[in-house]
Amino acid sequence: MKNLITVFMAGLMCVALGCRTIGPASLQQTHP
C-alpha cells in the first residue's frame, strides 16, 4: 500500500510539472 501512495504522490508532482510520462491511466485520461 505504501508503494501505491508513493506512486500517487509522484504522479501528482509529475502532473504539476507537466510531465505525464508516468502515472495511472486515470491521470492520463484526466490530462490527455
PDB file of N, CA and C in Angstrom:
ATOM      1  N   MET A   1       0.831  -1.198   0.000  1.00  0.00           N
ATOM      2  CA  MET A   1       0.000   0.000   0.000  1.00  0.00           C
ATOM      3  C   MET A   1       0.873   1.258   0.000  1.00  0.00           C
ATOM      4  N   LYS A   2       2.003   1.195   0.694  1.00  0.00           N
ATOM      5  CA  LYS A   2       2.912   2.353   0.734  1.00  0.00           C
ATOM      6  C   LYS A   2       3.380   2.693  -0.680  1.00  0.00           C
ATOM      7  N   ASN A   3       3.639   1.654  -1.478  1.00  0.00           N
ATOM      8  CA  ASN A   3       4.097   1.899  -2.845  1.00  0.00           C
ATOM      9  C   ASN A   3       3.052   2.681  -3.621  1.00  0.00           C
ATOM     10  N   LEU A   4       1.765   2.311  -3.432  1.00  0.00           N
ATOM     11  CA  LEU A   4       0.693   2.988  -4.155  1.00  0.00           C
ATOM     12  C   LEU A   4       0.682   4.472  -3.820  1.00  0.00           C
ATOM     13  N   ILE A   5       0.823   4.790  -2.536  1.00  0.00           N
ATOM     14  CA  ILE A   5       0.832   6.199  -2.106  1.00  0.00           C
ATOM     15  C   ILE A   5       2.015   6.929  -2.734  1.00  0.00           C
ATOM     16  N   THR A   6       3.170   6.283  -2.738  1.00  0.00           N
ATOM     17  CA  THR A   6       4.363   6.921  -3.304  1.00  0.00           C
ATOM     18  C   THR A   6       4.157   7.210  -4.794  1.00  0.00           C
ATOM     19  N   VAL A   7       3.607   6.232  -5.509  1.00  0.00           N
ATOM     20  CA  VAL A   7       3.363   6.411  -6.951  1.00  0.00           C
ATOM     21  C   VAL A   7       2.338   7.515  -7.169  1.00  0.00           C
ATOM     22  N   PHE A   8       1.334   7.541  -6.288  1.00  0.00           N
ATOM     23  CA  PHE A   8       0.285   8.570  -6.427  1.00  0.00           C
ATOM     24  C   PHE A   8       0.876   9.964  -6.236  1.00  0.00           C
ATOM     25  N   MET A   9       1.692  10.106  -5.192  1.00  0.00           N
ATOM     26  CA  MET A   9       2.316  11.400  -4.920  1.00  0.00           C
ATOM     27  C   MET A   9       3.227  11.797  -6.080  1.00  0.00           C
ATOM     28  N   ALA A  10       4.010  10.840  -6.566  1.00  0.00           N
ATOM     29  CA  ALA A  10       4.925  11.121  -7.673  1.00  0.00           C
ATOM     30  C   ALA A  10       4.123  11.520  -8.914  1.00  0.00           C
ATOM     31  N   GLY A  11       2.990  10.863  -9.120  1.00  0.00           N
ATOM     32  CA  GLY A  11       2.146  11.172 -10.280  1.00  0.00           C
ATOM     33  C   GLY A  11       1.614  12.596 -10.197  1.00  0.00           C
ATOM     34  N   LEU A  12       1.150  12.983  -9.004  1.00  0.00           N
ATOM     35  CA  LEU A  12       0.628  14.345  -8.829  1.00  0.00           C
ATOM     36  C   LEU A  12       1.728  15.359  -9.091  1.00  0.00           C
ATOM     37  N   MET A  13       2.909  15.095  -8.586  1.00  0.00           N
ATOM     38  CA  MET A  13       4.028  16.024  -8.773  1.00  0.00           C
ATOM     39  C   MET A  13       4.379  16.108 -10.255  1.00  0.00           C
ATOM     40  N   CYS A  14       4.358  14.970 -10.923  1.00  0.00           N
ATOM     41  CA  CYS A  14       4.702  14.944 -12.343  1.00  0.00           C
ATOM     42  C   CYS A  14       3.672  15.749 -13.126  1.00  0.00           C
ATOM     43  N   VAL A  15       2.395  15.572 -12.777  1.00  0.00           N
ATOM     44  CA  VAL A  15       1.336  16.311 -13.478  1.00  0.00           C
ATOM     45  C   VAL A  15       1.504  17.802 -13.228  1.00  0.00           C
ATOM     46  N   ALA A  16       1.870  18.147 -11.987  1.00  0.00           N
ATOM     47  CA  ALA A  16       2.051  19.564 -11.654  1.00  0.00           C
ATOM     48  C   ALA A  16       3.189  20.150 -12.494  1.00  0.00           C
ATOM     49  N   LEU A  17       4.215  19.338 -12.753  1.00  0.00           N
ATOM     50  CA  LEU A  17       5.359  19.818 -13.539  1.00  0.00           C
ATOM     51  C   LEU A  17       5.035  19.788 -15.031  1.00  0.00           C
ATOM     52  N   GLY A  18       4.024  18.995 -15.385  1.00  0.00           N
ATOM     53  CA  GLY A  18       3.611  18.957 -16.791  1.00  0.00           C
ATOM     54  C   GLY A  18       4.201  17.768 -17.529  1.00  0.00           C
ATOM     55  N   CYS A  19       4.770  16.818 -16.812  1.00  0.00           N
ATOM     56  CA  CYS A  19       5.321  15.631 -17.482  1.00  0.00           C
ATOM     57  C   CYS A  19       4.414  14.452 -17.182  1.00  0.00           C
ATOM     58  N   ARG A  20       3.635  14.043 -18.198  1.00  0.00           N
ATOM     59  CA  ARG A  20       2.664  12.964 -17.998  1.00  0.00           C
ATOM     60  C   ARG A  20       3.259  11.625 -18.438  1.00  0.00           C
ATOM     61  N   THR A  21       4.589  11.480 -18.347  1.00  0.00           N
ATOM     62  CA  THR A  21       5.243  10.260 -18.815  1.00  0.00           C
ATOM     63  C   THR A  21       4.860   9.090 -17.914  1.00  0.00           C
ATOM     64  N   ILE A  22       4.794   9.334 -16.575  1.00  0.00           N
ATOM     65  CA  ILE A  22       4.447   8.258 -15.657  1.00  0.00           C
ATOM     66  C   ILE A  22       3.183   8.618 -14.901  1.00  0.00           C
ATOM     67  N   GLY A  23       2.323   7.630 -14.735  1.00  0.00           N
ATOM     68  CA  GLY A  23       1.090   7.877 -13.992  1.00  0.00           C
ATOM     69  C   GLY A  23       0.016   6.877 -14.379  1.00  0.00           C
ATOM     70  N   PRO A  24      -0.952   6.666 -13.503  1.00  0.00           N
ATOM     71  CA  PRO A  24      -2.036   5.734 -13.769  1.00  0.00           C
ATOM     72  C   PRO A  24      -2.874   6.168 -14.969  1.00  0.00           C
ATOM     73  N   ALA A  25      -3.659   5.237 -15.510  1.00  0.00           N
ATOM     74  CA  ALA A  25      -4.473   5.540 -16.685  1.00  0.00           C
ATOM     75  C   ALA A  25      -5.466   6.645 -16.365  1.00  0.00           C
ATOM     76  N   SER A  26      -5.955   6.678 -15.139  1.00  0.00           N
ATOM     77  CA  SER A  26      -6.935   7.705 -14.750  1.00  0.00           C
ATOM     78  C   SER A  26      -6.325   9.091 -14.902  1.00  0.00           C
ATOM     79  N   LEU A  27      -5.062   9.242 -14.484  1.00  0.00           N
ATOM     80  CA  LEU A  27      -4.403  10.545 -14.597  1.00  0.00           C
ATOM     81  C   LEU A  27      -4.233  10.904 -16.066  1.00  0.00           C
ATOM     82  N   GLN A  28      -3.887   9.913 -16.884  1.00  0.00           N
ATOM     83  CA  GLN A  28      -3.672  10.181 -18.300  1.00  0.00           C
ATOM     84  C   GLN A  28      -4.998  10.561 -18.963  1.00  0.00           C
ATOM     85  N   GLN A  29      -6.110   9.969 -18.483  1.00  0.00           N
ATOM     86  CA  GLN A  29      -7.409  10.311 -19.044  1.00  0.00           C
ATOM     87  C   GLN A  29      -7.777  11.744 -18.673  1.00  0.00           C
ATOM     88  N   THR A  30      -7.463  12.130 -17.423  1.00  0.00           N
ATOM     89  CA  THR A  30      -7.784  13.482 -16.979  1.00  0.00           C
ATOM     90  C   THR A  30      -6.952  14.498 -17.762  1.00  0.00           C
ATOM     91  N   HIS A  31      -5.717  14.127 -18.080  1.00  0.00           N
ATOM     92  CA  HIS A  31      -4.824  15.033 -18.831  1.00  0.00           C
ATOM     93  C   HIS A  31      -4.302  14.327 -20.074  1.00  0.00           C
ATOM     94  N   PRO A  32      -5.128  14.255 -21.108  1.00  0.00           N
ATOM     95  CA  PRO A  32      -4.724  13.537 -22.335  1.00  0.00           C
ATOM     96  C   PRO A  32      -3.570  14.216 -23.065  1.00  0.00           C
TER      97      PRO A  32
END
